[in-house]
Amino acid sequence: MILLITCFPSDSAQGGAFIMRNNVQSLSKEQIYWFALSRPSGKVPFSAPNVEYDFRSPPARGNVRLRLGRFWRWYQRKVWSPQVARLLERRIQKLNPRLVWLMADYGLVPVALRLLPNLRSRRLHISFHDSPRPTAERECCSSAFLNEVDAFLDALNEPDFTADAVTEELLAECAPNARSSALVTLPVNRSRCSSEFIKPRSNGTLEIGFSGNFLGEDEFACFIDGLRLWEKKSGRDWKVTVIGRPDLARFDKKIQVYGPMSFDQTRLALGSCDLLLLPSPVDRPEMRTNMPTKLVTYLELGRMIFAFAPAGSSAARVLTEAQLGPVLSVRDAESVADALQRIQEWDFDAAAKGWHQLVTNRFDETRIARDLMSCLFMDPKHEAVAATKR
């Protein structure tokens, strides 16, 4: 049995939950006890015959109405988290799992920090989908909470554990001492993936697509300003199709918006696009080591990608190496216009090779499952257990 401990519930709509559900499905032959530190959300129904669910929801009484948010965050860290850690200790003793698997989002830290001393004799695996400290800072957590994040990461120098993360940079930051590690992201679905890389049209209306609910609004506004400048320079018209964020229609009348859609509907709506926009915030520290899950959807569509990403970030490195399209690390409309102008001179053969490499290796489901299993089924002697022994 595997005891999986996450901050989010199994039916959450956040990126880490999509990755974790995919991982759990690949472990269909082993019983999993999924313990969440929040109540079920009902956003993405998920069930698996090998998974048993449990949760403990932290207090949140009157956070907004009575302005008690600060107090309840203190209470959660100082009172509720130790209680849940003790509950999990008893659960571990009762279940005696083969592996304890922590999904180390920043919200799990107060519980995980108190649980770690009792896991030294256990097989431990830790997953990272975001950098805990920058994410906690973004959420305006207290200095005391940030100290616990630092203490948790420092404590990982002691236990013997394996790890996975969405980028190499995140592994180096959070788990440099892991016995073994794997690069684990949301995989490309090959059954619905484009069979080839499709280059943009060289004339007519330039069509750009965006899908998702998370973005840097300043970066999106900068891109629209750059499109207007490019229109004057090139003499070509443009339009942007947005899926999931109807409020972005306010930036320009040439933006056509839709609400959330299924993948098949998204594929149909973005099927005529020349470029796909990935406007990640360029000045958020947590964006330096993460990998946007919408990139997987974009790869399945087989189009060029125009990205904003912090300089030196994981996303900037991966996209630049694959030569999938322009990557900007500054919000500058002139730079956007110049980058759009250079697209017609792009090396599309190199872009096609880079796209194929990402689809068949970095984001390939078989590769991800193989590397993750080599960590999860590593025995105490530091040897990977053969699949036939599972």
Protein backbone atom coordinates (compact mmCIF):
# COMPACT_ATOMS: atom_id res chain seq x y z
CA MET A 1 0.00 0.00 0.00
CA ILE A 2 0.99 3.60 -0.69
CA LEU A 3 -0.07 6.40 1.65
CA LEU A 4 -0.38 9.53 -0.49
CA ILE A 5 -0.62 12.85 1.39
CA THR A 6 -1.57 16.02 -0.48
CA CYS A 7 -2.77 19.49 0.39
CA PHE A 8 -5.37 19.46 -2.39
CA PRO A 9 -8.22 16.92 -2.75
CA SER A 10 -8.24 14.31 -5.50
CA ASP A 11 -10.91 16.21 -7.45
CA SER A 12 -9.14 19.57 -7.46
CA ALA A 13 -8.78 21.52 -10.72
CA GLN A 14 -5.26 22.77 -10.05
CA GLY A 15 -2.31 21.68 -12.17
CA GLY A 16 -0.67 19.53 -9.50
CA ALA A 17 -3.89 17.55 -9.06
CA PHE A 18 -4.02 16.73 -12.79
CA ILE A 19 -0.45 15.42 -12.59
CA MET A 20 -1.13 13.42 -9.42
CA ARG A 21 -4.32 11.84 -10.79
CA ASN A 22 -2.39 10.70 -13.85
CA ASN A 23 0.31 9.21 -11.61
CA VAL A 24 -2.24 7.42 -9.44
CA GLN A 25 -3.91 5.90 -12.50
CA SER A 26 -0.56 4.46 -13.58
CA LEU A 27 -0.39 2.65 -10.22
CA SER A 28 -3.60 0.73 -10.72
CA LYS A 29 -2.13 -2.52 -9.36
CA GLU A 30 -1.35 -1.14 -5.91
CA GLN A 31 -3.72 0.01 -3.18
CA ILE A 32 -3.45 3.75 -2.49
CA TYR A 33 -4.74 5.58 0.56
CA TRP A 34 -5.11 9.23 -0.52
CA PHE A 35 -5.22 11.59 2.46
CA ALA A 36 -5.98 15.25 1.60
CA LEU A 37 -5.68 18.31 3.82
CA SER A 38 -8.79 19.87 2.28
CA ARG A 39 -12.33 18.76 1.65
CA PRO A 40 -13.41 17.42 -1.79
CA SER A 41 -13.97 20.22 -4.29
CA GLY A 42 -16.23 18.47 -6.79
CA LYS A 43 -14.57 20.32 -9.69
CA VAL A 44 -13.02 17.34 -11.50
CA PRO A 45 -14.75 14.08 -10.51
CA PHE A 46 -12.17 11.35 -10.06
CA SER A 47 -12.37 7.81 -8.74
CA ALA A 48 -10.19 4.75 -9.08
CA PRO A 49 -10.93 1.24 -7.79
CA ASN A 50 -7.53 0.99 -6.10
CA VAL A 51 -7.85 4.31 -4.23
CA GLU A 52 -9.37 4.96 -0.80
CA TYR A 53 -9.97 8.59 0.15
CA ASP A 54 -9.85 10.49 3.42
CA PHE A 55 -9.43 14.16 4.33
CA ARG A 56 -9.16 16.62 7.19
CA SER A 57 -10.18 20.15 6.32
CA PRO A 58 -8.46 23.03 8.14
CA PRO A 59 -10.57 25.63 9.96
CA ALA A 60 -11.76 28.64 7.99
CA ARG A 61 -14.65 29.96 10.06
CA GLY A 62 -15.48 33.58 9.34
CA ASN A 63 -12.26 34.31 7.43
CA VAL A 64 -13.79 37.03 5.29
CA ARG A 65 -16.97 38.05 7.08
CA LEU A 66 -15.30 38.45 10.48
CA ARG A 67 -11.82 39.24 9.13
CA LEU A 68 -10.33 36.29 10.98
CA GLY A 69 -8.10 35.02 8.18
CA ARG A 70 -4.85 35.92 9.93
CA PHE A 71 -5.96 34.26 13.19
CA TRP A 72 -7.10 31.05 11.49
CA ARG A 73 -3.85 30.78 9.52
CA TRP A 74 -2.01 31.00 12.85
CA TYR A 75 -4.39 28.45 14.38
CA GLN A 76 -3.94 26.11 11.42
CA ARG A 77 -0.16 26.22 11.71
CA LYS A 78 0.17 26.03 15.50
CA VAL A 79 -2.80 23.87 16.55
CA TRP A 80 -4.46 22.10 13.63
CA SER A 81 -1.30 20.98 11.79
CA PRO A 82 0.25 19.21 14.84
CA GLN A 83 -3.09 17.45 15.39
CA VAL A 84 -3.19 16.23 11.78
CA ALA A 85 0.46 15.15 11.96
CA ARG A 86 -0.35 13.01 15.01
CA LEU A 87 -3.39 11.59 13.20
CA LEU A 88 -1.21 10.64 10.25
CA GLU A 89 1.35 9.03 12.56
CA ARG A 90 -1.42 6.79 13.93
CA ARG A 91 -2.67 6.11 10.40
CA ILE A 92 0.84 5.07 9.30
CA GLN A 93 1.17 2.71 12.25
CA LYS A 94 -2.20 1.14 11.44
CA LEU A 95 -1.82 0.86 7.66
CA ASN A 96 1.93 0.11 7.63
CA PRO A 97 2.27 1.39 4.04
CA ARG A 98 5.10 0.26 1.80
CA LEU A 99 5.66 3.89 0.81
CA VAL A 100 4.71 7.30 2.19
CA TRP A 101 4.30 9.77 -0.68
CA LEU A 102 4.19 13.50 0.08
CA MET A 103 3.00 16.05 -2.47
CA ALA A 104 5.03 18.97 -1.10
CA ASP A 105 2.94 22.00 -2.01
CA TYR A 106 3.52 24.94 0.32
CA GLY A 107 0.20 24.25 2.10
CA LEU A 108 1.39 20.82 3.20
CA VAL A 109 4.55 22.15 4.86
CA PRO A 110 3.27 22.68 8.45
CA VAL A 111 2.06 19.08 8.58
CA ALA A 112 4.99 17.58 6.64
CA LEU A 113 7.57 19.33 8.84
CA ARG A 114 6.07 17.74 11.96
CA LEU A 115 5.67 14.37 10.27
CA LEU A 116 9.20 14.03 8.86
CA PRO A 117 10.92 12.90 12.11
CA ASN A 118 8.60 9.89 12.21
CA LEU A 119 9.33 8.90 8.61
CA ARG A 120 13.06 8.21 8.93
CA SER A 121 12.46 4.45 9.01
CA ARG A 122 9.91 4.57 6.18
CA ARG A 123 10.29 4.54 2.41
CA LEU A 124 9.61 8.15 1.54
CA HIS A 125 8.91 9.77 -1.82
CA ILE A 126 8.31 13.51 -2.28
CA SER A 127 6.81 15.27 -5.30
CA PHE A 128 7.30 18.96 -6.10
CA HIS A 129 5.07 20.84 -8.54
CA ASP A 130 5.96 24.37 -7.40
CA SER A 131 8.74 25.95 -5.37
CA PRO A 132 7.30 26.08 -1.81
CA ARG A 133 8.84 29.30 -0.50
CA PRO A 134 8.15 31.63 -3.48
CA THR A 135 4.61 30.25 -3.67
CA ALA A 136 4.06 30.87 0.05
CA GLU A 137 5.41 34.41 -0.39
CA ARG A 138 2.99 34.97 -3.28
CA GLU A 139 0.14 33.91 -0.98
CA CYS A 140 1.29 36.46 1.64
CA CYS A 141 2.06 33.86 4.29
CA SER A 142 3.52 35.06 7.57
CA SER A 143 7.23 35.13 8.36
CA ALA A 144 6.63 32.30 10.83
CA PHE A 145 5.12 30.19 8.04
CA LEU A 146 8.05 31.00 5.74
CA ASN A 147 10.42 29.91 8.50
CA GLU A 148 8.66 26.54 8.58
CA VAL A 149 9.03 26.24 4.80
CA ASP A 150 12.78 26.83 5.16
CA ALA A 151 12.96 24.35 8.04
CA PHE A 152 11.16 21.72 5.96
CA LEU A 153 13.55 22.10 3.03
CA ASP A 154 16.55 22.03 5.40
CA ALA A 155 15.17 18.87 7.02
CA LEU A 156 15.31 17.11 3.64
CA ASN A 157 19.09 16.94 4.04
CA GLU A 158 18.63 14.17 6.61
CA PRO A 159 16.05 11.55 5.51
CA ASP A 160 16.70 8.96 2.81
CA PHE A 161 14.09 9.66 0.14
CA THR A 162 13.36 9.68 -3.59
CA ALA A 163 11.79 12.63 -5.38
CA ASP A 164 10.18 13.87 -8.55
CA ALA A 165 9.53 17.38 -9.85
CA VAL A 166 8.24 19.09 -12.98
CA THR A 167 11.65 20.59 -13.88
CA GLU A 168 15.33 19.93 -13.34
CA GLU A 169 15.68 23.34 -11.70
CA LEU A 170 13.00 22.52 -9.13
CA LEU A 171 14.70 19.21 -8.28
CA ALA A 172 18.03 21.02 -7.81
CA GLU A 173 16.40 23.62 -5.56
CA CYS A 174 14.23 21.38 -3.37
CA ALA A 175 15.68 17.86 -3.50
CA PRO A 176 19.41 17.98 -4.34
CA ASN A 177 20.09 15.15 -1.89
CA ALA A 178 17.40 12.76 -3.09
CA ARG A 179 18.66 9.19 -3.50
CA SER A 180 17.01 9.02 -6.90
CA SER A 181 14.84 11.48 -8.80
CA ALA A 182 12.55 11.72 -11.82
CA LEU A 183 11.21 14.42 -14.09
CA VAL A 184 7.42 14.10 -13.86
CA THR A 185 4.94 16.40 -15.60
CA LEU A 186 1.48 16.10 -17.03
CA PRO A 187 2.05 13.95 -20.15
CA VAL A 188 1.00 14.58 -23.70
CA ASN A 189 -1.96 12.43 -24.73
CA ARG A 190 -0.61 10.84 -27.90
CA SER A 191 -4.04 9.63 -29.01
CA ARG A 192 -5.23 13.23 -29.46
CA CYS A 193 -1.89 14.82 -30.34
CA SER A 194 -1.30 16.39 -33.74
CA SER A 195 0.60 14.08 -36.07
CA GLU A 196 2.83 16.92 -37.27
CA PHE A 197 4.09 20.39 -36.43
CA ILE A 198 2.08 23.04 -38.28
CA LYS A 199 3.84 26.27 -39.20
CA PRO A 200 1.97 29.60 -39.24
CA ARG A 201 0.56 31.17 -42.37
CA SER A 202 2.65 33.86 -44.04
CA ASN A 203 -0.25 36.05 -45.16
CA GLY A 204 -3.79 36.94 -44.23
CA THR A 205 -5.07 37.32 -40.68
CA LEU A 206 -2.65 36.15 -37.96
CA GLU A 207 -4.65 34.03 -35.51
CA ILE A 208 -3.41 33.58 -31.95
CA GLY A 209 -4.91 31.27 -29.33
CA PHE A 210 -4.83 31.20 -25.53
CA SER A 211 -6.33 28.52 -23.29
CA GLY A 212 -6.42 28.40 -19.50
CA ASN A 213 -7.28 30.49 -16.47
CA PHE A 214 -3.82 31.41 -15.14
CA LEU A 215 -1.76 34.08 -16.87
CA GLY A 216 0.12 37.29 -16.34
CA GLU A 217 -2.42 39.98 -17.22
CA ASP A 218 0.33 42.57 -17.69
CA GLU A 219 2.04 40.20 -20.12
CA PHE A 220 -1.23 39.62 -21.98
CA ALA A 221 -1.83 43.38 -22.23
CA CYS A 222 1.74 43.88 -23.48
CA PHE A 223 1.19 41.23 -26.15
CA ILE A 224 -1.97 42.96 -27.38
CA ASP A 225 -0.11 46.28 -27.54
CA GLY A 226 2.64 44.54 -29.52
CA LEU A 227 0.09 43.08 -31.91
CA ARG A 228 -1.22 46.57 -32.67
CA LEU A 229 2.31 47.78 -33.46
CA TRP A 230 2.98 44.70 -35.59
CA GLU A 231 -0.26 45.32 -37.51
CA LYS A 232 0.97 48.79 -38.51
CA LYS A 233 4.39 47.45 -39.56
CA SER A 234 3.21 44.37 -41.45
CA GLY A 235 -0.11 45.54 -42.85
CA ARG A 236 -1.70 42.27 -41.72
CA ASP A 237 -4.76 41.90 -39.50
CA TRP A 238 -4.94 39.72 -36.38
CA LYS A 239 -7.35 38.14 -33.94
CA VAL A 240 -6.99 36.35 -30.61
CA THR A 241 -9.13 33.43 -29.43
CA VAL A 242 -9.30 33.05 -25.64
CA ILE A 243 -10.70 29.98 -23.89
CA GLY A 244 -11.35 29.99 -20.15
CA ARG A 245 -11.03 33.73 -19.43
CA PRO A 246 -13.98 35.69 -20.88
CA ASP A 247 -12.87 38.79 -18.95
CA LEU A 248 -9.91 39.23 -21.32
CA ALA A 249 -12.28 40.55 -24.00
CA ARG A 250 -11.87 43.99 -22.42
CA PHE A 251 -8.39 44.40 -23.93
CA ASP A 252 -9.49 44.64 -27.57
CA LYS A 253 -12.50 44.08 -29.81
CA LYS A 254 -10.45 41.62 -31.87
CA ILE A 255 -10.35 39.18 -28.95
CA GLN A 256 -12.97 36.43 -29.19
CA VAL A 257 -13.63 34.77 -25.83
CA TYR A 258 -15.20 31.51 -24.67
CA GLY A 259 -15.77 29.95 -21.28
CA PRO A 260 -14.13 26.69 -20.12
CA MET A 261 -14.22 23.93 -22.73
CA SER A 262 -13.39 20.25 -23.05
CA PHE A 263 -10.21 19.35 -24.90
CA ASP A 264 -12.13 18.41 -28.06
CA GLN A 265 -13.89 21.78 -28.01
CA THR A 266 -10.59 23.56 -27.30
CA ARG A 267 -8.92 21.74 -30.18
CA LEU A 268 -11.71 22.80 -32.52
CA ALA A 269 -11.63 26.44 -31.35
CA LEU A 270 -7.83 26.72 -31.58
CA GLY A 271 -7.44 24.51 -34.63
CA SER A 272 -7.04 27.42 -37.06
CA CYS A 273 -4.54 29.35 -34.92
CA ASP A 274 -1.06 30.18 -36.18
CA LEU A 275 0.42 30.80 -32.72
CA LEU A 276 -0.45 29.82 -29.16
CA LEU A 277 0.20 32.34 -26.38
CA LEU A 278 1.83 31.38 -23.08
CA PRO A 279 1.89 34.64 -21.04
CA SER A 280 3.49 33.57 -17.75
CA PRO A 281 4.31 36.37 -15.28
CA VAL A 282 7.95 37.34 -15.87
CA ASP A 283 8.56 38.78 -12.40
CA ARG A 284 7.20 36.05 -10.12
CA PRO A 285 9.97 34.00 -8.44
CA GLU A 286 7.88 30.80 -8.40
CA MET A 287 7.71 30.87 -12.19
CA ARG A 288 11.46 30.31 -12.47
CA THR A 289 11.28 26.62 -11.63
CA ASN A 290 7.78 25.53 -12.66
CA MET A 291 6.37 24.27 -15.95
CA PRO A 292 2.90 25.56 -16.98
CA THR A 293 0.52 22.63 -17.48
CA LYS A 294 -1.14 24.43 -20.42
CA LEU A 295 2.09 23.82 -22.35
CA VAL A 296 1.00 20.17 -22.66
CA THR A 297 -2.25 21.19 -24.35
CA TYR A 298 -0.31 23.47 -26.67
CA LEU A 299 2.10 20.68 -27.63
CA GLU A 300 -0.85 18.42 -28.46
CA LEU A 301 -2.08 21.07 -30.91
CA GLY A 302 1.30 21.14 -32.70
CA ARG A 303 1.66 24.91 -33.14
CA MET A 304 4.31 27.56 -32.56
CA ILE A 305 4.28 29.07 -29.08
CA PHE A 306 4.83 32.74 -28.23
CA ALA A 307 5.86 32.82 -24.58
CA PHE A 308 6.58 35.21 -21.78
CA ALA A 309 8.76 33.63 -19.09
CA PRO A 310 11.30 34.84 -16.51
CA ALA A 311 14.89 35.02 -17.75
CA GLY A 312 16.73 31.84 -16.84
CA SER A 313 13.51 30.00 -16.00
CA SER A 314 12.77 26.36 -16.75
CA ALA A 315 10.04 27.24 -19.26
CA ALA A 316 12.28 29.72 -21.08
CA ARG A 317 15.06 27.13 -21.31
CA VAL A 318 12.85 24.30 -22.58
CA LEU A 319 11.05 26.42 -25.18
CA THR A 320 14.25 28.10 -26.39
CA GLU A 321 16.07 24.77 -26.74
CA ALA A 322 13.14 23.36 -28.74
CA GLN A 323 12.98 26.53 -30.88
CA LEU A 324 9.19 26.45 -30.72
CA GLY A 325 8.81 30.22 -30.93
CA PRO A 326 9.78 33.57 -29.44
CA VAL A 327 10.38 33.73 -25.67
CA LEU A 328 10.36 37.18 -24.03
CA SER A 329 11.47 37.94 -20.48
CA VAL A 330 10.44 41.61 -20.52
CA ARG A 331 7.13 43.36 -21.00
CA ASP A 332 7.86 45.54 -24.02
CA ALA A 333 5.41 46.05 -26.89
CA GLU A 334 8.17 46.87 -29.40
CA SER A 335 9.90 43.59 -28.56
CA VAL A 336 6.62 41.75 -29.14
CA ALA A 337 6.16 43.42 -32.53
CA ASP A 338 9.74 42.65 -33.56
CA ALA A 339 9.40 39.01 -32.46
CA LEU A 340 6.18 38.63 -34.45
CA GLN A 341 7.90 40.12 -37.49
CA ARG A 342 10.74 37.57 -37.21
CA ILE A 343 8.40 34.59 -37.21
CA GLN A 344 8.32 34.41 -41.02
CA GLU A 345 12.11 33.88 -40.97
CA TRP A 346 11.91 31.14 -38.31
CA ASP A 347 13.68 27.82 -38.78
CA PHE A 348 10.53 25.69 -38.96
CA ASP A 349 12.48 22.47 -39.54
CA ALA A 350 14.29 23.02 -36.22
CA ALA A 351 10.98 23.88 -34.56
CA ALA A 352 9.41 20.66 -35.87
CA LYS A 353 12.33 18.61 -34.49
CA GLY A 354 12.13 20.38 -31.14
CA TRP A 355 8.37 19.79 -30.95
CA HIS A 356 8.82 16.11 -31.78
CA GLN A 357 11.51 15.73 -29.11
CA LEU A 358 9.28 17.24 -26.41
CA VAL A 359 6.27 15.14 -27.41
CA THR A 360 8.19 11.85 -27.62
CA ASN A 361 10.54 12.31 -24.66
CA ARG A 362 10.15 15.04 -22.05
CA PHE A 363 6.34 14.97 -22.05
CA ASP A 364 5.93 11.35 -23.15
CA GLU A 365 3.69 9.30 -20.86
CA THR A 366 5.75 6.11 -21.20
CA ARG A 367 8.99 7.89 -20.27
CA ILE A 368 7.34 9.68 -17.33
CA ALA A 369 5.75 6.50 -15.97
CA ARG A 370 8.99 4.53 -16.34
CA ASP A 371 11.09 7.10 -14.49
CA LEU A 372 8.50 7.63 -11.75
CA MET A 373 8.11 3.89 -11.19
CA SER A 374 11.88 3.49 -10.89
CA CYS A 375 11.67 5.84 -7.89
CA LEU A 376 8.48 4.52 -6.31
CA PHE A 377 9.59 0.90 -6.56
CA MET A 378 13.17 1.38 -5.42
CA ASP A 379 13.93 -0.98 -2.54
CA PRO A 380 15.86 -0.07 0.63
CA LYS A 381 19.07 -1.33 -0.99
CA HIS A 382 18.80 1.51 -3.53
CA GLU A 383 17.86 -0.79 -6.38
CA ALA A 384 14.84 -0.41 -8.62
CA VAL A 385 12.38 -3.27 -8.17
CA ALA A 386 11.45 -4.99 -11.40
CA ALA A 387 7.94 -4.35 -12.66
CA THR A 388 7.13 -8.06 -12.40
CA LYS A 389 7.54 -7.86 -8.61
CA ARG A 390 4.90 -5.16 -8.14
